[in-house]
Amino acid sequence: MKKILFLTLSLMLVFSSVALANKTSVAIVAPASVAAGTEVTITINVSHKGNSGFHHTNWVVVKADGAEIARWDFKASSLPESADFTRVTKFTVTKPVEIIAQGHCSIHGSKGPVAFKIAVQ
């Protein structure tokens, strides 16, 4: 009975730690509205508690209406500069567009994609 209780508590601890694990998250900073034909600067703020050769953000991707416009890959030999960092890309807006960004932790995965819409005036 003690073994079953120990196993049950161990499994609960493992699954709760995975659910609470530090996954890479991103935030998008860009203008909400621009004139057609404007080149905009899109800033991606990345946050992740861990920046070692074993535990780090291993990629960040940015898409515009589903098409990849920027990607940064990291590995043990080329880590991000810190646990919280920023990347910038440019994109010419010709019509209303949805920007999607996502980052990924080498161990825990991602908090999921973040979307930002840019309207055309």
N, C-alpha and C. Protein backbone atom coordinates (compact mmCIF):
# COMPACT_ATOMS: atom_id res chain seq x y z
N MET A 1 0.82 -1.20 0.00
CA MET A 1 0.00 0.00 0.00
C MET A 1 0.86 1.27 0.00
N LYS A 2 1.96 1.24 0.77
CA LYS A 2 2.85 2.39 0.82
C LYS A 2 3.49 2.63 -0.54
N LYS A 3 3.80 1.55 -1.27
CA LYS A 3 4.40 1.69 -2.60
C LYS A 3 3.43 2.35 -3.56
N ILE A 4 2.18 1.97 -3.49
CA ILE A 4 1.17 2.56 -4.39
C ILE A 4 0.99 4.03 -4.06
N LEU A 5 0.93 4.37 -2.79
CA LEU A 5 0.79 5.77 -2.39
C LEU A 5 2.00 6.58 -2.84
N PHE A 6 3.20 6.03 -2.64
CA PHE A 6 4.43 6.71 -3.07
C PHE A 6 4.44 6.91 -4.58
N LEU A 7 4.07 5.88 -5.33
CA LEU A 7 4.04 5.96 -6.79
C LEU A 7 3.03 7.01 -7.24
N THR A 8 1.87 7.03 -6.64
CA THR A 8 0.83 7.99 -6.99
C THR A 8 1.30 9.42 -6.72
N LEU A 9 1.89 9.64 -5.55
CA LEU A 9 2.39 10.98 -5.23
C LEU A 9 3.53 11.38 -6.14
N SER A 10 4.40 10.45 -6.47
CA SER A 10 5.51 10.74 -7.38
C SER A 10 5.00 11.14 -8.76
N LEU A 11 4.03 10.40 -9.27
CA LEU A 11 3.46 10.73 -10.58
C LEU A 11 2.78 12.09 -10.57
N MET A 12 2.08 12.40 -9.50
CA MET A 12 1.43 13.70 -9.40
C MET A 12 2.47 14.81 -9.40
N LEU A 13 3.56 14.61 -8.69
CA LEU A 13 4.62 15.61 -8.65
C LEU A 13 5.25 15.80 -10.03
N VAL A 14 5.52 14.71 -10.72
CA VAL A 14 6.13 14.79 -12.05
C VAL A 14 5.21 15.52 -13.02
N PHE A 15 3.94 15.14 -13.05
CA PHE A 15 3.02 15.77 -14.00
C PHE A 15 2.74 17.22 -13.65
N SER A 16 2.69 17.56 -12.37
CA SER A 16 2.47 18.96 -12.02
C SER A 16 3.69 19.80 -12.34
N SER A 17 4.89 19.25 -12.18
CA SER A 17 6.08 20.03 -12.52
C SER A 17 6.19 20.25 -14.01
N VAL A 18 5.76 19.30 -14.82
CA VAL A 18 5.75 19.50 -16.27
C VAL A 18 4.74 20.58 -16.64
N ALA A 19 3.59 20.57 -16.02
CA ALA A 19 2.56 21.57 -16.31
C ALA A 19 3.02 22.96 -15.89
N LEU A 20 3.81 23.04 -14.83
CA LEU A 20 4.27 24.33 -14.34
C LEU A 20 5.65 24.69 -14.88
N ALA A 21 6.19 23.86 -15.75
CA ALA A 21 7.54 24.06 -16.25
C ALA A 21 7.66 25.39 -16.99
N ASN A 22 8.86 25.91 -16.99
CA ASN A 22 9.11 27.18 -17.66
C ASN A 22 9.24 26.95 -19.16
N LYS A 23 8.21 27.30 -19.88
CA LYS A 23 8.21 27.20 -21.33
C LYS A 23 8.56 28.57 -21.91
N THR A 24 9.13 28.57 -23.09
CA THR A 24 9.47 29.83 -23.74
C THR A 24 8.20 30.58 -24.13
N SER A 25 8.17 31.88 -23.84
CA SER A 25 7.04 32.71 -24.24
C SER A 25 7.55 33.90 -25.04
N VAL A 26 6.67 34.45 -25.85
CA VAL A 26 7.02 35.61 -26.67
C VAL A 26 5.95 36.68 -26.57
N ALA A 27 6.35 37.90 -26.88
CA ALA A 27 5.42 39.03 -27.00
C ALA A 27 5.82 39.80 -28.25
N ILE A 28 4.83 40.27 -28.99
CA ILE A 28 5.06 40.99 -30.24
C ILE A 28 4.81 42.48 -30.01
N VAL A 29 5.75 43.30 -30.48
CA VAL A 29 5.59 44.75 -30.45
C VAL A 29 5.68 45.24 -31.89
N ALA A 30 4.59 45.85 -32.36
CA ALA A 30 4.52 46.36 -33.74
C ALA A 30 3.40 47.39 -33.79
N PRO A 31 3.38 48.20 -34.83
CA PRO A 31 2.28 49.17 -34.95
C PRO A 31 0.96 48.46 -35.24
N ALA A 32 -0.11 48.97 -34.68
CA ALA A 32 -1.43 48.36 -34.88
C ALA A 32 -2.01 48.70 -36.25
N SER A 33 -1.56 49.82 -36.84
CA SER A 33 -2.12 50.26 -38.11
C SER A 33 -1.06 51.07 -38.87
N VAL A 34 -0.97 50.82 -40.17
CA VAL A 34 -0.01 51.54 -41.02
C VAL A 34 -0.64 51.78 -42.39
N ALA A 35 -0.01 52.64 -43.16
CA ALA A 35 -0.44 52.85 -44.55
C ALA A 35 0.07 51.69 -45.40
N ALA A 36 -0.67 51.32 -46.43
CA ALA A 36 -0.25 50.23 -47.32
C ALA A 36 1.13 50.55 -47.90
N GLY A 37 1.99 49.55 -47.96
CA GLY A 37 3.33 49.72 -48.50
C GLY A 37 4.38 50.12 -47.47
N THR A 38 3.98 50.25 -46.22
CA THR A 38 4.90 50.66 -45.17
C THR A 38 5.73 49.47 -44.68
N GLU A 39 7.04 49.71 -44.56
CA GLU A 39 7.89 48.69 -43.94
C GLU A 39 7.84 48.92 -42.43
N VAL A 40 7.43 47.88 -41.69
CA VAL A 40 7.31 48.00 -40.24
C VAL A 40 8.41 47.20 -39.55
N THR A 41 8.73 47.64 -38.36
CA THR A 41 9.66 46.91 -37.51
C THR A 41 8.83 46.09 -36.54
N ILE A 42 9.11 44.80 -36.50
CA ILE A 42 8.41 43.88 -35.60
C ILE A 42 9.43 43.41 -34.57
N THR A 43 9.15 43.70 -33.31
CA THR A 43 10.04 43.32 -32.23
C THR A 43 9.43 42.13 -31.49
N ILE A 44 10.24 41.11 -31.28
CA ILE A 44 9.80 39.92 -30.55
C ILE A 44 10.57 39.89 -29.24
N ASN A 45 9.85 40.01 -28.13
CA ASN A 45 10.45 39.90 -26.81
C ASN A 45 10.28 38.46 -26.33
N VAL A 46 11.38 37.80 -26.06
CA VAL A 46 11.38 36.39 -25.69
C VAL A 46 11.73 36.26 -24.22
N SER A 47 11.00 35.40 -23.51
CA SER A 47 11.24 35.19 -22.09
C SER A 47 11.30 33.70 -21.79
N HIS A 48 12.35 33.32 -21.05
CA HIS A 48 12.54 31.92 -20.67
C HIS A 48 13.53 31.85 -19.52
N LYS A 49 13.16 31.18 -18.45
CA LYS A 49 14.07 31.06 -17.30
C LYS A 49 14.96 29.86 -17.52
N GLY A 50 16.07 30.09 -18.11
CA GLY A 50 17.05 29.04 -18.39
C GLY A 50 17.83 29.42 -19.63
N ASN A 51 19.13 29.44 -19.51
CA ASN A 51 19.94 29.79 -20.67
C ASN A 51 21.30 29.11 -20.54
N SER A 52 21.27 27.79 -20.54
CA SER A 52 22.51 27.01 -20.45
C SER A 52 22.57 26.10 -21.67
N GLY A 53 23.68 25.42 -21.83
CA GLY A 53 23.83 24.51 -22.96
C GLY A 53 22.79 23.41 -23.00
N PHE A 54 22.24 23.07 -21.85
CA PHE A 54 21.25 21.99 -21.77
C PHE A 54 19.82 22.52 -21.81
N HIS A 55 19.58 23.70 -21.25
CA HIS A 55 18.22 24.22 -21.08
C HIS A 55 18.16 25.67 -21.57
N HIS A 56 17.58 25.87 -22.75
CA HIS A 56 17.55 27.20 -23.35
C HIS A 56 16.44 27.28 -24.39
N THR A 57 16.17 28.49 -24.85
CA THR A 57 15.28 28.67 -26.00
C THR A 57 16.04 28.16 -27.21
N ASN A 58 15.47 27.19 -27.93
CA ASN A 58 16.22 26.65 -29.08
C ASN A 58 15.73 27.19 -30.42
N TRP A 59 14.56 27.84 -30.46
CA TRP A 59 14.18 28.53 -31.69
C TRP A 59 13.07 29.54 -31.42
N VAL A 60 13.03 30.54 -32.29
CA VAL A 60 11.97 31.54 -32.31
C VAL A 60 11.60 31.74 -33.77
N VAL A 61 10.31 31.76 -34.07
CA VAL A 61 9.86 31.92 -35.45
C VAL A 61 8.78 33.01 -35.51
N VAL A 62 8.77 33.75 -36.63
CA VAL A 62 7.77 34.79 -36.87
C VAL A 62 7.15 34.51 -38.23
N LYS A 63 5.81 34.55 -38.28
CA LYS A 63 5.10 34.33 -39.54
C LYS A 63 4.15 35.49 -39.80
N ALA A 64 3.95 35.80 -41.08
CA ALA A 64 2.98 36.80 -41.52
C ALA A 64 1.97 36.08 -42.40
N ASP A 65 0.72 36.04 -41.95
CA ASP A 65 -0.34 35.30 -42.65
C ASP A 65 0.11 33.89 -43.01
N GLY A 66 0.80 33.24 -42.07
CA GLY A 66 1.20 31.84 -42.24
C GLY A 66 2.54 31.61 -42.92
N ALA A 67 3.12 32.63 -43.53
CA ALA A 67 4.41 32.48 -44.22
C ALA A 67 5.53 32.93 -43.28
N GLU A 68 6.53 32.10 -43.13
CA GLU A 68 7.65 32.44 -42.26
C GLU A 68 8.42 33.63 -42.80
N ILE A 69 8.61 34.64 -41.94
CA ILE A 69 9.37 35.83 -42.35
C ILE A 69 10.67 35.98 -41.56
N ALA A 70 10.78 35.28 -40.44
CA ALA A 70 12.02 35.33 -39.66
C ALA A 70 12.10 34.09 -38.78
N ARG A 71 13.33 33.64 -38.57
CA ARG A 71 13.57 32.49 -37.69
C ARG A 71 14.98 32.61 -37.11
N TRP A 72 15.06 32.31 -35.82
CA TRP A 72 16.35 32.29 -35.14
C TRP A 72 16.48 30.94 -34.44
N ASP A 73 17.55 30.24 -34.72
CA ASP A 73 17.82 28.94 -34.11
C ASP A 73 19.01 29.07 -33.16
N PHE A 74 18.90 28.41 -32.01
CA PHE A 74 19.96 28.45 -31.01
C PHE A 74 20.34 27.03 -30.64
N LYS A 75 21.57 26.86 -30.19
CA LYS A 75 22.04 25.56 -29.71
C LYS A 75 23.08 25.81 -28.62
N ALA A 76 23.59 24.74 -28.04
CA ALA A 76 24.51 24.86 -26.91
C ALA A 76 25.71 25.74 -27.25
N SER A 77 26.16 25.69 -28.49
CA SER A 77 27.34 26.47 -28.88
C SER A 77 27.00 27.89 -29.33
N SER A 78 25.71 28.20 -29.46
CA SER A 78 25.30 29.56 -29.85
C SER A 78 23.99 29.91 -29.14
N LEU A 79 24.09 30.14 -27.84
CA LEU A 79 22.93 30.43 -27.01
C LEU A 79 22.43 31.87 -27.22
N PRO A 80 21.16 32.13 -26.88
CA PRO A 80 20.71 33.52 -26.82
C PRO A 80 21.57 34.27 -25.80
N GLU A 81 21.63 35.59 -25.92
CA GLU A 81 22.49 36.37 -25.03
C GLU A 81 22.06 36.35 -23.57
N SER A 82 20.79 36.05 -23.30
CA SER A 82 20.31 35.95 -21.92
C SER A 82 18.99 35.19 -21.92
N ALA A 83 18.44 34.97 -20.73
CA ALA A 83 17.16 34.27 -20.62
C ALA A 83 16.02 35.10 -21.24
N ASP A 84 16.10 36.41 -21.10
CA ASP A 84 15.13 37.33 -21.72
C ASP A 84 15.88 38.11 -22.79
N PHE A 85 15.40 38.02 -24.02
CA PHE A 85 16.09 38.69 -25.11
C PHE A 85 15.10 39.16 -26.16
N THR A 86 15.60 39.94 -27.10
CA THR A 86 14.76 40.55 -28.13
C THR A 86 15.34 40.26 -29.50
N ARG A 87 14.47 40.04 -30.46
CA ARG A 87 14.87 39.93 -31.86
C ARG A 87 13.97 40.87 -32.66
N VAL A 88 14.52 41.41 -33.75
CA VAL A 88 13.80 42.38 -34.57
C VAL A 88 13.83 41.92 -36.02
N THR A 89 12.70 42.08 -36.70
CA THR A 89 12.63 41.81 -38.13
C THR A 89 11.82 42.92 -38.78
N LYS A 90 11.94 43.04 -40.08
CA LYS A 90 11.19 44.06 -40.84
C LYS A 90 10.24 43.33 -41.78
N PHE A 91 9.11 43.98 -42.07
CA PHE A 91 8.13 43.40 -42.98
C PHE A 91 7.36 44.54 -43.64
N THR A 92 7.15 44.44 -44.96
CA THR A 92 6.38 45.45 -45.68
C THR A 92 4.91 45.02 -45.69
N VAL A 93 4.07 45.87 -45.12
CA VAL A 93 2.64 45.60 -45.01
C VAL A 93 1.93 46.17 -46.23
N THR A 94 1.31 45.30 -47.01
CA THR A 94 0.57 45.74 -48.20
C THR A 94 -0.94 45.59 -48.02
N LYS A 95 -1.32 44.78 -47.04
CA LYS A 95 -2.73 44.54 -46.73
C LYS A 95 -2.80 44.17 -45.26
N PRO A 96 -3.99 44.15 -44.67
CA PRO A 96 -4.07 43.73 -43.27
C PRO A 96 -3.39 42.37 -43.09
N VAL A 97 -2.64 42.22 -42.02
CA VAL A 97 -1.84 41.01 -41.84
C VAL A 97 -1.87 40.56 -40.38
N GLU A 98 -1.82 39.26 -40.20
CA GLU A 98 -1.71 38.69 -38.86
C GLU A 98 -0.29 38.17 -38.67
N ILE A 99 0.38 38.71 -37.67
CA ILE A 99 1.73 38.27 -37.33
C ILE A 99 1.61 37.25 -36.21
N ILE A 100 2.29 36.13 -36.37
CA ILE A 100 2.30 35.09 -35.34
C ILE A 100 3.75 34.82 -34.97
N ALA A 101 4.04 34.78 -33.68
CA ALA A 101 5.38 34.48 -33.20
C ALA A 101 5.29 33.37 -32.16
N GLN A 102 6.35 32.58 -32.10
CA GLN A 102 6.41 31.50 -31.12
C GLN A 102 7.87 31.17 -30.83
N GLY A 103 8.15 30.85 -29.58
CA GLY A 103 9.47 30.39 -29.18
C GLY A 103 9.35 29.00 -28.59
N HIS A 104 10.48 28.31 -28.46
CA HIS A 104 10.45 26.93 -27.99
C HIS A 104 11.63 26.65 -27.08
N CYS A 105 11.36 26.05 -25.92
CA CYS A 105 12.40 25.65 -24.96
C CYS A 105 12.92 24.27 -25.33
N SER A 106 14.22 24.06 -25.19
CA SER A 106 14.84 22.79 -25.54
C SER A 106 14.34 21.63 -24.67
N ILE A 107 13.75 21.91 -23.52
CA ILE A 107 13.24 20.85 -22.64
C ILE A 107 11.73 20.89 -22.49
N HIS A 108 11.18 22.07 -22.23
CA HIS A 108 9.77 22.18 -21.85
C HIS A 108 8.82 22.57 -22.98
N GLY A 109 9.34 23.01 -24.10
CA GLY A 109 8.47 23.39 -25.21
C GLY A 109 8.08 24.85 -25.18
N SER A 110 6.89 25.13 -25.65
CA SER A 110 6.44 26.50 -25.87
C SER A 110 5.15 26.80 -25.11
N LYS A 111 4.97 28.06 -24.73
CA LYS A 111 3.69 28.49 -24.17
C LYS A 111 2.66 28.66 -25.28
N GLY A 112 3.09 28.50 -26.51
CA GLY A 112 2.19 28.60 -27.64
C GLY A 112 2.41 29.85 -28.44
N PRO A 113 1.80 29.91 -29.62
CA PRO A 113 1.96 31.07 -30.48
C PRO A 113 1.19 32.29 -29.94
N VAL A 114 1.70 33.46 -30.31
CA VAL A 114 1.06 34.73 -29.96
C VAL A 114 0.76 35.43 -31.28
N ALA A 115 -0.44 35.99 -31.39
CA ALA A 115 -0.86 36.67 -32.62
C ALA A 115 -0.99 38.18 -32.41
N PHE A 116 -0.74 38.92 -33.47
CA PHE A 116 -0.86 40.39 -33.46
C PHE A 116 -1.32 40.81 -34.86
N LYS A 117 -2.37 41.61 -34.93
CA LYS A 117 -2.88 42.05 -36.24
C LYS A 117 -2.45 43.47 -36.53
N ILE A 118 -2.01 43.67 -37.76
CA ILE A 118 -1.66 45.00 -38.23
C ILE A 118 -2.69 45.39 -39.31
N ALA A 119 -3.40 46.47 -39.06
CA ALA A 119 -4.41 46.95 -40.01
C ALA A 119 -3.78 47.91 -41.02
N VAL A 120 -4.43 48.05 -42.15
CA VAL A 120 -3.98 49.01 -43.16
C VAL A 120 -4.99 50.16 -43.19
N GLN A 121 -4.47 51.40 -43.15
CA GLN A 121 -5.34 52.59 -43.13
C GLN A 121 -5.83 52.90 -44.52
